[in-house]
N, C-alpha and C. Protein backbone atom coordinates (compact mmCIF):
# COMPACT_ATOMS: atom_id res chain seq x y z
N UNK A 1 103.55 205.32 57.85
CA UNK A 1 103.95 204.20 56.94
C UNK A 1 102.56 203.59 55.88
N UNK A 2 103.15 203.27 54.83
CA UNK A 2 102.17 203.01 53.89
C UNK A 2 102.08 201.29 53.64
N UNK A 3 100.61 201.33 53.43
CA UNK A 3 100.23 200.02 53.09
C UNK A 3 99.75 198.84 54.40
N UNK A 4 99.81 199.52 55.40
CA UNK A 4 99.51 199.16 56.38
C UNK A 4 97.72 198.62 56.01
N UNK A 5 97.91 197.03 56.64
CA UNK A 5 96.19 196.90 56.70
C UNK A 5 95.90 196.55 58.14
N UNK A 6 97.00 196.59 59.47
CA UNK A 6 96.28 196.79 60.88
C UNK A 6 97.44 197.47 61.76
N UNK A 7 97.57 197.82 63.06
CA UNK A 7 98.66 198.38 63.41
C UNK A 7 97.99 198.66 64.99
N UNK A 8 98.75 197.40 65.87
CA UNK A 8 97.59 197.38 67.41
C UNK A 8 99.62 198.05 68.09
N UNK A 9 99.12 198.91 68.83
CA UNK A 9 100.33 198.89 69.28
C UNK A 9 100.16 199.73 71.24
N UNK A 10 100.40 198.65 71.83
CA UNK A 10 100.33 198.67 73.56
C UNK A 10 101.31 199.90 74.25
N UNK A 11 102.21 200.03 73.45
CA UNK A 11 102.98 201.06 74.64
C UNK A 11 102.54 202.36 74.14
N UNK A 12 101.46 202.95 72.78
CA UNK A 12 100.61 203.65 72.82
C UNK A 12 99.26 204.11 74.02
N UNK A 13 99.32 204.51 75.51
CA UNK A 13 98.08 204.07 76.00
C UNK A 13 96.59 204.60 75.53
N UNK A 14 96.81 206.01 74.93
CA UNK A 14 95.89 206.40 73.66
C UNK A 14 95.33 205.91 73.43
N UNK A 15 95.57 204.80 72.91
CA UNK A 15 94.61 203.20 72.10
C UNK A 15 94.67 202.25 72.59
N UNK A 16 94.29 202.18 73.99
CA UNK A 16 93.41 201.06 74.86
C UNK A 16 92.51 201.85 75.62
N UNK A 17 91.66 201.36 75.35
CA UNK A 17 89.91 201.33 75.77
C UNK A 17 89.46 200.47 77.01
N UNK A 18 88.68 200.99 77.72
CA UNK A 18 87.76 200.36 78.45
C UNK A 18 86.65 199.63 77.81
N UNK A 19 86.13 200.12 77.10
CA UNK A 19 85.05 199.95 76.24
C UNK A 19 85.14 199.73 74.58
N UNK A 20 84.22 198.53 73.80
CA UNK A 20 84.54 198.34 72.55
C UNK A 20 84.28 199.59 72.07
N UNK A 21 83.46 201.15 72.12
CA UNK A 21 83.13 202.24 71.74
C UNK A 21 84.41 203.00 71.89
N UNK A 22 85.62 202.83 72.05
CA UNK A 22 86.68 203.39 71.88
C UNK A 22 86.91 204.77 72.65
N UNK A 23 86.19 204.89 73.53
CA UNK A 23 85.25 206.57 74.52
C UNK A 23 86.00 206.60 75.93
N UNK A 24 86.56 205.24 76.51
CA UNK A 24 86.45 205.00 77.87
C UNK A 24 88.54 204.39 77.98
N UNK A 25 89.05 205.65 78.51
CA UNK A 25 90.72 205.37 78.36
C UNK A 25 90.76 203.79 79.59
N UNK A 26 91.15 203.15 78.96
CA UNK A 26 91.98 201.90 79.90
C UNK A 26 92.44 201.45 81.33
N UNK A 27 92.31 201.19 82.13
CA UNK A 27 93.36 201.30 83.42
C UNK A 27 93.15 200.26 83.80
N UNK A 28 92.77 198.73 83.24
CA UNK A 28 92.80 197.46 83.96
C UNK A 28 92.64 196.93 82.84
N UNK A 29 91.49 196.58 82.68
CA UNK A 29 90.91 195.42 81.76
C UNK A 29 90.72 196.84 80.18
N UNK A 30 91.00 195.66 78.69
CA UNK A 30 90.89 196.13 77.60
C UNK A 30 89.84 195.59 76.66
N UNK A 31 88.85 196.24 76.60
CA UNK A 31 87.69 196.19 76.14
C UNK A 31 88.23 196.37 74.46
N UNK A 32 88.66 197.54 74.32
CA UNK A 32 88.89 197.86 72.55
C UNK A 32 90.58 198.00 72.47
N UNK A 33 91.15 197.96 71.44
CA UNK A 33 92.77 198.18 71.45
C UNK A 33 92.20 198.75 70.02
N UNK A 34 92.68 200.37 69.87
CA UNK A 34 92.66 200.93 68.55
C UNK A 34 93.27 200.48 67.21
N UNK A 35 92.91 200.32 66.06
CA UNK A 35 94.15 200.64 65.03
C UNK A 35 94.66 202.09 64.19
N UNK A 36 96.03 201.65 64.30
CA UNK A 36 96.32 203.28 64.62
C UNK A 36 96.40 202.89 62.63
N UNK A 37 96.65 202.11 61.95
CA UNK A 37 97.43 201.84 60.65
C UNK A 37 96.00 203.23 60.00
N UNK A 38 94.57 203.56 60.55
CA UNK A 38 93.96 204.82 59.51
C UNK A 38 93.32 204.10 59.14
N UNK A 39 92.67 202.09 59.16
CA UNK A 39 92.02 201.37 58.78
C UNK A 39 90.32 201.61 59.32
N UNK A 40 90.87 201.76 60.67
CA UNK A 40 89.84 202.14 61.74
C UNK A 40 89.38 200.48 61.78
N UNK A 41 90.30 199.40 61.38
CA UNK A 41 90.49 197.89 62.04
C UNK A 41 90.53 198.02 63.63
N UNK A 42 89.80 197.89 64.64
CA UNK A 42 89.87 197.80 65.97
C UNK A 42 90.20 196.95 66.60
N UNK A 43 91.21 195.72 67.50
CA UNK A 43 90.54 195.36 68.04
C UNK A 43 89.66 195.07 69.46
N UNK A 44 88.57 194.09 69.09
CA UNK A 44 88.01 194.12 70.44
C UNK A 44 87.20 193.39 71.43
N UNK A 45 86.11 193.47 71.88
CA UNK A 45 86.29 192.49 73.12
C UNK A 45 85.13 192.60 74.10
N UNK A 46 83.77 192.10 73.86
CA UNK A 46 82.36 192.95 74.10
C UNK A 46 82.26 191.91 75.51
N UNK A 47 82.98 190.76 76.10
CA UNK A 47 82.47 189.92 77.24
C UNK A 47 83.83 190.80 78.11
N UNK A 48 83.37 190.91 79.84
CA UNK A 48 84.09 191.37 80.91
C UNK A 48 85.42 190.69 80.29
N UNK A 49 84.86 189.23 81.08
CA UNK A 49 85.56 188.53 81.46
C UNK A 49 86.58 187.92 80.83
N UNK A 50 86.44 188.07 79.35
CA UNK A 50 87.12 187.98 78.69
C UNK A 50 88.08 188.88 77.46
N UNK A 51 88.40 189.84 78.62
CA UNK A 51 89.77 191.26 78.52
C UNK A 51 91.01 190.95 78.76
N UNK A 52 91.57 190.58 77.81
CA UNK A 52 92.81 190.69 78.82
C UNK A 52 93.37 192.43 78.97
N UNK A 53 94.50 192.06 80.03
CA UNK A 53 95.24 193.37 81.07
C UNK A 53 96.05 194.14 80.43
N UNK A 54 96.07 194.98 80.94
CA UNK A 54 96.87 196.41 80.32
C UNK A 54 97.64 196.23 81.08
N UNK A 55 99.40 196.47 80.77
CA UNK A 55 100.24 196.79 81.55
C UNK A 55 101.39 197.07 80.93
N UNK A 56 102.93 197.60 81.99
CA UNK A 56 103.60 198.84 81.06
C UNK A 56 104.54 197.78 79.99
N UNK A 57 104.13 196.31 79.81
CA UNK A 57 104.86 195.88 79.35
C UNK A 57 104.33 194.99 78.01
N UNK A 58 103.13 195.87 77.80
CA UNK A 58 102.03 194.90 77.22
C UNK A 58 100.81 194.76 77.10
N UNK A 59 100.36 193.78 76.20
CA UNK A 59 98.90 193.77 76.67
C UNK A 59 98.48 192.40 77.22
N UNK A 60 98.14 191.53 78.25
CA UNK A 60 98.29 189.90 79.43
C UNK A 60 97.32 190.17 79.07
N UNK A 61 97.27 188.25 78.44
CA UNK A 61 96.13 187.83 78.18
C UNK A 61 96.45 186.23 79.10
N UNK A 62 95.46 185.64 79.67
CA UNK A 62 95.08 184.67 80.17
C UNK A 62 95.41 183.91 80.64
N UNK A 63 95.52 183.31 78.74
CA UNK A 63 95.38 181.79 78.20
C UNK A 63 94.04 180.83 78.75
N UNK A 64 92.83 182.05 78.83
CA UNK A 64 91.87 180.69 79.63
C UNK A 64 91.06 181.35 78.53
N UNK A 65 90.55 182.63 77.98
CA UNK A 65 89.49 183.27 77.38
C UNK A 65 89.96 184.27 77.09
N UNK A 66 91.17 185.26 77.09
CA UNK A 66 90.81 186.75 76.77
C UNK A 66 91.01 185.69 75.55
N UNK A 67 91.25 187.57 74.66
CA UNK A 67 91.57 187.80 73.54
C UNK A 67 91.18 188.94 72.74
N UNK A 68 91.16 189.29 71.60
CA UNK A 68 90.22 190.34 70.54
C UNK A 68 89.82 189.88 69.15
N UNK A 69 88.24 190.51 68.71
CA UNK A 69 88.40 190.45 67.53
C UNK A 69 88.37 190.94 66.50
N UNK A 70 88.73 191.03 65.74
CA UNK A 70 88.81 192.36 64.63
C UNK A 70 87.71 193.61 63.98
N UNK A 71 87.60 194.36 64.36
CA UNK A 71 86.36 194.78 63.96
C UNK A 71 86.13 193.88 61.91
N UNK A 72 87.15 193.71 61.37
CA UNK A 72 86.65 193.71 59.97
C UNK A 72 87.78 192.53 59.90
N UNK A 73 87.46 191.48 58.78
CA UNK A 73 88.39 190.44 59.05
C UNK A 73 89.26 190.90 58.39
N UNK A 74 90.57 190.69 58.44
CA UNK A 74 91.81 190.20 56.97
C UNK A 74 91.98 189.38 55.99
N UNK A 75 91.63 189.56 54.86
CA UNK A 75 92.08 187.90 53.67
C UNK A 75 93.09 189.01 53.08
N UNK A 76 94.27 188.42 52.77
CA UNK A 76 95.11 189.01 51.81
C UNK A 76 95.69 187.64 50.99
N UNK A 77 95.93 187.70 49.45
CA UNK A 77 96.70 186.98 48.58
C UNK A 77 98.58 187.12 49.28
N UNK A 78 98.43 188.85 49.63
CA UNK A 78 100.42 188.64 49.86
C UNK A 78 100.52 189.24 51.36
N UNK A 79 99.95 189.11 52.45
CA UNK A 79 100.39 189.20 53.64
C UNK A 79 101.20 189.58 54.47
N UNK A 80 101.62 190.39 54.77
CA UNK A 80 103.00 189.96 56.49
C UNK A 80 102.64 190.44 57.61
N UNK A 81 102.77 189.98 58.74
CA UNK A 81 102.19 190.13 59.44
C UNK A 81 103.44 190.36 60.63
N UNK A 82 103.54 191.18 61.16
CA UNK A 82 104.66 191.19 62.29
C UNK A 82 104.44 191.72 63.79
N UNK A 83 105.01 190.96 64.78
CA UNK A 83 104.36 190.93 65.87
C UNK A 83 105.52 190.60 67.02
N UNK A 84 105.83 191.64 68.02
CA UNK A 84 106.08 191.51 69.22
C UNK A 84 105.54 190.53 70.61
N UNK A 85 106.05 189.86 71.06
CA UNK A 85 105.17 188.99 72.14
C UNK A 85 105.66 187.93 72.82
N UNK A 86 105.71 187.99 73.96
CA UNK A 86 106.14 186.55 74.53
C UNK A 86 105.08 185.83 75.19
N UNK A 87 104.78 184.19 74.67
CA UNK A 87 104.49 183.27 75.77
C UNK A 87 103.58 182.26 74.62
N UNK A 88 102.28 181.86 74.90
CA UNK A 88 102.80 180.70 73.10
C UNK A 88 100.96 180.54 73.69
N UNK A 89 100.84 179.38 72.81
CA UNK A 89 99.25 179.41 71.93
C UNK A 89 98.87 179.98 70.95
N UNK A 90 97.59 180.59 71.19
CA UNK A 90 96.77 180.58 69.71
C UNK A 90 97.50 182.70 69.35
N UNK A 91 98.03 182.70 68.81
CA UNK A 91 98.63 184.02 68.45
C UNK A 91 97.55 184.52 67.76
N UNK A 92 97.16 184.70 66.89
CA UNK A 92 96.08 184.85 66.00
C UNK A 92 95.71 183.35 64.47
N UNK A 93 93.98 184.14 64.44
CA UNK A 93 93.35 183.00 63.90
C UNK A 93 92.42 183.57 63.12
N UNK A 94 91.34 182.74 62.11
CA UNK A 94 90.54 183.27 61.50
C UNK A 94 89.85 181.92 61.14
N UNK A 95 88.11 182.46 61.31
CA UNK A 95 87.12 181.22 62.52
C UNK A 95 86.85 179.87 61.55
N UNK A 96 87.98 178.98 62.18
CA UNK A 96 87.58 177.13 62.08
C UNK A 96 88.58 177.12 60.58
N UNK A 97 89.47 177.96 60.04
CA UNK A 97 90.22 177.67 58.85
C UNK A 97 91.66 178.09 58.76
N UNK A 98 91.79 178.93 60.00
CA UNK A 98 93.32 179.67 59.66
C UNK A 98 93.86 179.74 61.04
N UNK A 99 94.96 179.52 61.49
CA UNK A 99 95.49 179.59 62.66
C UNK A 99 96.96 179.73 62.88
N UNK A 100 97.48 180.43 63.69
CA UNK A 100 99.01 180.32 64.11
C UNK A 100 98.61 179.49 65.56
N UNK A 101 99.65 178.92 66.25
CA UNK A 101 99.64 178.53 67.16
C UNK A 101 101.37 177.80 67.53
N UNK A 102 101.65 178.21 68.94
CA UNK A 102 102.68 177.64 69.23
C UNK A 102 102.56 176.62 70.46
N UNK A 103 102.31 175.51 70.51
CA UNK A 103 102.23 174.58 71.64
C UNK A 103 102.87 174.80 73.06
N UNK A 104 102.69 175.00 74.16
CA UNK A 104 103.10 175.06 75.20
C UNK A 104 104.10 173.86 75.58
N UNK A 105 104.63 172.48 75.54
CA UNK A 105 104.66 171.70 75.76
C UNK A 105 106.78 171.98 75.03
N UNK A 106 106.46 172.46 73.46
CA UNK A 106 107.82 172.05 72.92
C UNK A 106 108.42 173.63 71.82
N UNK A 107 106.76 174.07 71.77
CA UNK A 107 107.19 175.73 71.06
C UNK A 107 106.57 175.28 69.57
N UNK A 108 106.32 173.74 69.32
CA UNK A 108 106.30 174.06 68.17
C UNK A 108 105.34 174.46 67.12
N UNK A 109 105.05 174.68 66.54
CA UNK A 109 104.39 175.75 65.77
C UNK A 109 103.44 174.95 64.78
N UNK A 110 102.08 175.83 64.75
CA UNK A 110 101.09 174.79 63.78
C UNK A 110 100.73 176.15 63.15
N UNK A 111 100.60 175.95 61.68
CA UNK A 111 100.22 177.44 61.08
C UNK A 111 99.31 176.71 60.18
N UNK A 112 97.73 177.21 59.69
CA UNK A 112 96.91 176.18 58.82
C UNK A 112 96.75 177.83 58.41
N UNK A 113 96.64 177.45 56.81
CA UNK A 113 95.85 178.48 55.72
C UNK A 113 94.49 177.93 54.86
N UNK A 114 93.93 177.73 54.99
CA UNK A 114 92.64 177.35 54.53
C UNK A 114 92.62 175.96 54.81
N UNK A 115 92.23 176.07 56.21
CA UNK A 115 91.54 174.33 57.21
C UNK A 115 92.78 173.63 56.42
N UNK A 116 93.73 174.25 56.20
CA UNK A 116 95.19 173.01 55.89
C UNK A 116 96.44 173.29 56.69
N UNK A 117 96.88 172.25 57.61
CA UNK A 117 98.17 172.58 58.03
C UNK A 117 99.38 172.56 57.32
N UNK A 118 99.60 173.87 56.58
CA UNK A 118 100.85 173.81 56.19
C UNK A 118 102.35 174.01 57.02
N UNK A 119 101.95 174.34 58.42
CA UNK A 119 103.17 173.40 58.84
C UNK A 119 102.89 173.13 60.14
N UNK A 120 102.68 171.83 60.02
CA UNK A 120 102.47 171.03 60.88
C UNK A 120 103.02 170.29 61.93
N UNK A 121 103.32 170.51 63.16
CA UNK A 121 104.14 170.74 64.45
C UNK A 121 105.47 171.09 63.76
N UNK A 122 105.92 171.63 63.39
CA UNK A 122 107.06 172.32 62.51
C UNK A 122 107.65 172.89 64.17
N UNK A 123 109.23 172.12 64.81
CA UNK A 123 109.98 172.76 65.27
C UNK A 123 110.75 173.70 65.22
N UNK A 124 110.39 175.18 66.47
CA UNK A 124 111.21 176.21 66.05
C UNK A 124 112.17 175.58 67.37
N UNK A 125 112.99 175.97 66.89
CA UNK A 125 114.00 175.54 68.10
C UNK A 125 115.10 176.91 68.93
N UNK A 126 114.16 177.85 68.16
CA UNK A 126 115.22 178.54 68.84
C UNK A 126 113.94 179.79 69.12
N UNK A 127 112.55 179.16 69.05
CA UNK A 127 111.58 179.74 69.34
C UNK A 127 111.57 180.06 71.48
N UNK A 128 111.54 180.58 72.19
CA UNK A 128 111.12 181.18 73.18
C UNK A 128 110.29 181.28 73.75
N UNK A 129 109.21 180.80 74.65
CA UNK A 129 108.05 181.66 75.18
C UNK A 129 108.54 182.50 76.68
N UNK A 130 108.98 182.51 77.15
CA UNK A 130 109.57 182.99 78.21
C UNK A 130 110.31 184.25 78.11
N UNK A 131 110.71 184.69 77.09
CA UNK A 131 110.82 186.01 76.72
C UNK A 131 110.55 186.54 75.44
N UNK A 132 110.33 187.76 75.10
CA UNK A 132 109.73 188.70 73.90
C UNK A 132 109.89 188.05 72.63
N UNK A 133 109.98 187.97 71.50
CA UNK A 133 110.30 187.61 70.51
C UNK A 133 109.59 188.75 69.51
N UNK A 134 110.50 189.01 68.40
CA UNK A 134 110.52 189.36 67.49
C UNK A 134 109.65 188.13 65.99
N UNK A 135 108.58 188.61 65.69
CA UNK A 135 108.19 187.76 64.34
C UNK A 135 107.66 187.82 63.46
N UNK A 136 107.63 187.43 62.29
CA UNK A 136 107.23 187.72 60.41
C UNK A 136 106.52 186.63 60.93
N UNK A 137 105.41 186.58 60.14
CA UNK A 137 104.48 185.58 59.23
C UNK A 137 104.22 186.21 58.31
N UNK A 138 104.85 185.36 57.44
CA UNK A 138 104.32 186.50 55.87
C UNK A 138 104.05 185.06 55.02
N UNK A 139 102.57 185.48 53.74
CA UNK A 139 102.45 185.07 52.56
C UNK A 139 102.54 185.82 51.35
N UNK A 140 103.81 185.41 50.58
CA UNK A 140 103.58 186.46 49.47
C UNK A 140 104.00 185.00 48.40
N UNK A 141 103.28 185.94 46.93
CA UNK A 141 103.14 184.76 45.29
C UNK A 141 103.13 182.77 46.22
N UNK A 142 102.18 183.07 46.86
CA UNK A 142 101.92 181.66 47.15
C UNK A 142 103.52 180.91 47.71
N UNK A 143 104.22 181.35 49.09
CA UNK A 143 105.20 181.06 49.57
C UNK A 143 105.11 181.73 51.42
N UNK A 144 104.58 180.77 51.69
CA UNK A 144 104.37 180.94 53.51
C UNK A 144 106.54 181.56 54.11
N UNK A 145 106.12 182.28 54.85
CA UNK A 145 107.95 182.06 55.92
C UNK A 145 107.57 182.59 57.25
N UNK A 146 108.56 181.68 58.07
CA UNK A 146 108.46 182.55 59.57
C UNK A 146 109.69 183.14 59.76
N UNK A 147 109.97 184.40 59.49
CA UNK A 147 111.29 185.10 60.62
C UNK A 147 111.17 184.92 62.14
N UNK A 148 111.90 184.33 62.67
CA UNK A 148 111.94 184.81 63.81
C UNK A 148 113.18 185.69 64.77
N UNK A 149 113.18 186.30 65.60
CA UNK A 149 113.94 187.66 65.54
C UNK A 149 115.37 188.04 64.69
N UNK A 150 114.30 188.18 63.52
CA UNK A 150 115.60 188.94 62.49
C UNK A 150 115.92 187.84 61.33
N UNK A 151 115.53 186.48 61.43
CA UNK A 151 116.25 185.15 60.73
C UNK A 151 115.10 184.56 60.28
N UNK A 152 115.20 184.24 59.15
CA UNK A 152 114.28 183.16 58.45
C UNK A 152 114.29 181.64 59.15
N UNK A 153 113.50 180.84 59.67
CA UNK A 153 113.87 180.08 60.11
C UNK A 153 112.44 178.88 60.05
N UNK A 154 111.92 179.14 58.81
CA UNK A 154 111.18 178.26 58.04
C UNK A 154 110.25 178.78 57.37
N UNK A 155 109.70 177.43 56.37
CA UNK A 155 109.42 178.40 54.79
C UNK A 155 108.41 177.37 53.66
N UNK A 156 107.47 177.37 53.63
CA UNK A 156 106.76 176.37 52.60
C UNK A 156 105.90 176.84 51.71
N UNK A 157 106.49 176.37 50.16
CA UNK A 157 105.58 176.87 49.50
C UNK A 157 104.24 176.30 49.14
N UNK A 158 103.70 176.92 47.66
CA UNK A 158 102.87 176.10 46.95
C UNK A 158 101.11 176.45 47.93
N UNK A 159 100.89 177.47 48.83
CA UNK A 159 99.74 178.13 49.18
C UNK A 159 98.85 178.25 48.84
N UNK A 160 97.97 177.80 48.86
CA UNK A 160 96.69 178.08 47.97
C UNK A 160 95.74 179.04 48.64
N UNK A 161 95.53 180.56 48.24
CA UNK A 161 94.29 180.89 48.85
C UNK A 161 95.24 182.40 49.99
N UNK A 162 94.30 182.93 50.45
CA UNK A 162 94.78 183.67 51.12
C UNK A 162 95.21 183.44 52.89
N UNK A 163 95.91 184.69 53.20
CA UNK A 163 96.17 184.86 54.65
C UNK A 163 95.05 185.27 55.31
N UNK A 164 94.42 185.03 56.17
CA UNK A 164 93.22 185.16 56.81
C UNK A 164 93.03 185.67 58.40
N UNK A 165 92.82 186.27 58.83
CA UNK A 165 92.80 186.82 60.40
C UNK A 165 91.49 187.34 60.84
N UNK A 166 90.80 187.29 61.87
CA UNK A 166 89.86 187.69 61.98
C UNK A 166 90.02 187.89 63.96
N UNK A 167 91.27 187.44 64.41
CA UNK A 167 91.49 187.42 65.86
C UNK A 167 93.01 187.25 66.13
N UNK A 168 92.52 188.09 67.33
CA UNK A 168 94.13 187.50 67.64
C UNK A 168 94.27 187.05 69.46
N UNK A 169 94.66 186.26 70.25
CA UNK A 169 95.04 185.40 71.05
C UNK A 169 93.66 184.21 71.45
N UNK A 170 92.79 184.57 70.42
CA UNK A 170 91.64 183.59 70.08
C UNK A 170 91.81 182.12 69.54
N UNK A 171 91.01 181.21 70.21
CA UNK A 171 90.95 179.88 69.43
C UNK A 171 90.38 180.02 68.15
N UNK A 172 90.78 179.07 67.22
CA UNK A 172 90.09 179.03 66.18
C UNK A 172 88.59 178.72 65.97
N UNK A 173 88.23 178.07 66.36
CA UNK A 173 86.79 176.93 66.51
C UNK A 173 86.98 176.85 68.56
N UNK A 174 86.12 176.07 68.62
CA UNK A 174 85.59 175.76 70.43
C UNK A 174 85.80 174.64 70.70
N UNK A 175 86.42 173.74 69.47
CA UNK A 175 86.48 172.44 70.25
C UNK A 175 88.00 172.25 70.11
N UNK A 176 88.16 173.42 69.92
CA UNK A 176 89.94 172.54 69.77
C UNK A 176 90.78 172.66 71.60
N UNK A 177 91.52 171.68 71.45
CA UNK A 177 92.16 171.46 72.90
C UNK A 177 93.36 172.25 73.40
N UNK A 178 93.54 173.17 72.37
CA UNK A 178 94.99 174.34 72.65
C UNK A 178 94.33 174.94 72.87
N UNK A 179 95.28 175.74 74.03
CA UNK A 179 94.82 177.42 74.49
C UNK A 179 94.70 178.69 73.48
N UNK A 180 93.74 179.30 74.35
CA UNK A 180 94.57 180.95 73.64
C UNK A 180 95.29 181.28 73.91
N UNK A 181 95.92 183.01 73.74
CA UNK A 181 97.31 182.97 73.70
C UNK A 181 97.73 182.97 75.30
N UNK A 182 98.77 182.49 76.00
CA UNK A 182 99.16 182.61 77.15
C UNK A 182 100.29 183.44 77.16
N UNK A 183 100.53 185.30 78.31
CA UNK A 183 101.46 186.32 77.57
C UNK A 183 101.60 186.95 77.42
N UNK A 184 102.04 187.72 76.76
CA UNK A 184 101.29 189.46 76.10
C UNK A 184 101.95 189.02 74.56
N UNK A 185 100.97 190.22 74.14
CA UNK A 185 100.55 190.95 73.36
C UNK A 185 101.79 192.50 72.59
N UNK A 186 102.78 192.93 72.63
CA UNK A 186 103.12 194.24 72.41
C UNK A 186 103.12 194.99 71.39
N UNK A 187 102.77 194.42 69.79
CA UNK A 187 102.79 195.21 68.60
C UNK A 187 102.66 194.24 68.05
N UNK A 188 101.33 194.87 67.09
CA UNK A 188 101.13 194.17 65.85
C UNK A 188 101.31 194.80 64.58
N UNK A 189 101.85 194.51 63.79
CA UNK A 189 101.59 195.43 62.47
C UNK A 189 101.53 194.74 61.10
N UNK A 190 100.40 194.54 60.69
CA UNK A 190 100.43 194.10 58.96
C UNK A 190 100.29 194.75 57.56
N UNK A 191 101.00 194.42 57.13
CA UNK A 191 101.26 194.88 55.75
C UNK A 191 100.01 194.04 54.98
N UNK A 192 99.86 194.94 54.04
CA UNK A 192 99.19 193.99 52.80
C UNK A 192 100.16 193.97 51.43
N UNK A 193 101.06 194.50 51.31
CA UNK A 193 101.79 193.66 50.13
C UNK A 193 103.25 193.79 50.71
N UNK A 194 104.12 193.46 49.77
CA UNK A 194 105.23 192.63 50.66
C UNK A 194 106.29 194.19 50.90
N UNK A 195 106.50 193.52 52.16
CA UNK A 195 107.74 195.40 53.00
C UNK A 195 109.20 194.45 52.93
N UNK A 196 110.02 195.51 53.71
CA UNK A 196 110.77 195.41 53.56
C UNK A 196 110.87 195.20 55.16
N UNK A 197 111.30 193.58 55.63
CA UNK A 197 111.52 193.04 56.51
C UNK A 197 112.26 193.07 57.37
N UNK A 198 113.62 193.62 56.99
CA UNK A 198 114.40 194.53 57.80
C UNK A 198 113.94 195.63 58.40
N UNK A 199 113.77 196.47 58.01
CA UNK A 199 113.41 198.06 58.27
C UNK A 199 112.20 197.75 59.40
N UNK A 200 111.47 197.00 59.07
CA UNK A 200 110.37 196.54 60.38
C UNK A 200 110.59 196.03 61.26
N UNK A 201 111.96 195.24 61.47
CA UNK A 201 111.94 194.52 62.77
C UNK A 201 113.03 195.29 63.38
N UNK A 202 113.86 196.24 62.62
CA UNK A 202 114.32 197.10 63.06
C UNK A 202 114.01 198.15 63.72
N UNK A 203 112.71 198.59 63.61
CA UNK A 203 112.43 199.94 63.99
C UNK A 203 111.37 198.80 65.37
N UNK A 204 111.11 197.57 65.44
CA UNK A 204 110.29 196.90 66.28
C UNK A 204 111.87 196.40 67.78
N UNK A 205 112.39 195.83 67.23
CA UNK A 205 113.71 195.95 67.46
C UNK A 205 114.06 196.98 68.63
N UNK A 206 114.46 197.98 68.51
CA UNK A 206 114.83 198.94 68.72
C UNK A 206 113.93 199.23 69.93
N UNK A 207 111.81 199.62 69.99
CA UNK A 207 111.58 200.02 70.12
C UNK A 207 111.22 199.90 71.40
N UNK A 208 111.35 198.17 71.86
CA UNK A 208 111.27 196.96 72.70
C UNK A 208 112.52 196.64 73.02
N UNK A 209 113.26 196.84 73.09
CA UNK A 209 114.73 196.44 73.58
C UNK A 209 115.28 194.79 72.81
N UNK A 210 115.26 195.01 71.88
CA UNK A 210 115.51 193.88 71.31
C UNK A 210 116.26 193.30 70.60
N UNK A 211 117.07 194.29 70.17
CA UNK A 211 118.44 194.94 69.52
C UNK A 211 119.75 193.94 69.07
N UNK A 212 119.29 192.78 70.92
CA UNK A 212 120.29 191.72 70.77
C UNK A 212 120.19 190.82 70.18
N UNK A 213 118.92 190.77 70.37
CA UNK A 213 118.34 189.28 69.18
C UNK A 213 118.64 189.12 68.42
N UNK A 214 118.53 190.52 67.58
CA UNK A 214 118.63 190.30 65.96
C UNK A 214 120.49 190.25 65.72
N UNK A 215 120.76 189.24 63.99
CA UNK A 215 122.13 188.55 64.83
C UNK A 215 123.04 189.96 63.90
N UNK A 216 123.96 189.44 64.25
CA UNK A 216 124.45 190.39 64.29
C UNK A 216 125.46 190.94 62.92
N UNK A 217 124.58 190.37 61.48
CA UNK A 217 125.09 191.22 60.12
C UNK A 217 123.33 191.86 59.58
N UNK A 218 122.31 191.76 60.45
CA UNK A 218 121.37 191.95 60.44
C UNK A 218 121.56 194.06 60.24
N UNK A 219 120.45 194.93 59.76
CA UNK A 219 121.13 196.16 59.11
C UNK A 219 120.73 196.69 59.50
N UNK A 220 120.17 196.77 60.37
CA UNK A 220 119.27 197.19 61.49
C UNK A 220 119.25 197.30 62.85
N UNK A 221 120.57 196.34 63.37
CA UNK A 221 120.54 196.60 64.95
C UNK A 221 121.07 197.00 65.52
């Protein structure tokens, strides 16, 4: 896979480790999630109590304090992040400036760039926190888009600055009242250039049993 900035794959047990040095395989809690992109941008958690758990169907986050920090921040003017996840709360964030958050009560979306809520309490009616969802968050040429299960569901133009991420599942700052991720994250793919969304969606949908969620006219259903 070319132009990858990050690839975290919960189905690959060889990438899940019980320590942050990635030397001891994980059997329960996950301290290190190895990046398969070749960029060595691993997701790590040094605090034992804040480590998510490994399960047969993804990495489980407790909604209290579980989450990972990336070894290196990602900051790109054009970035496409694909996820397979189930749950609500902070999906990913950057320290105090950027975040993606689905609220628990109504699954409305908050997505901030450079301390500006570009998507501010936007209703994503098709989103369900109780089942696995295939998501793409993208910023290309100043336009931010969310695709859900193979369909574009929201878009905003005139976005300034880069798309930044330095953590997975954690809050963007300590003062926010919204929780970290509550549920599972199964796979994360980040491309630092525009890519064929349909192909990546097809790959993830077939891998994680989500083809029925794709629209009938999707080329890789």
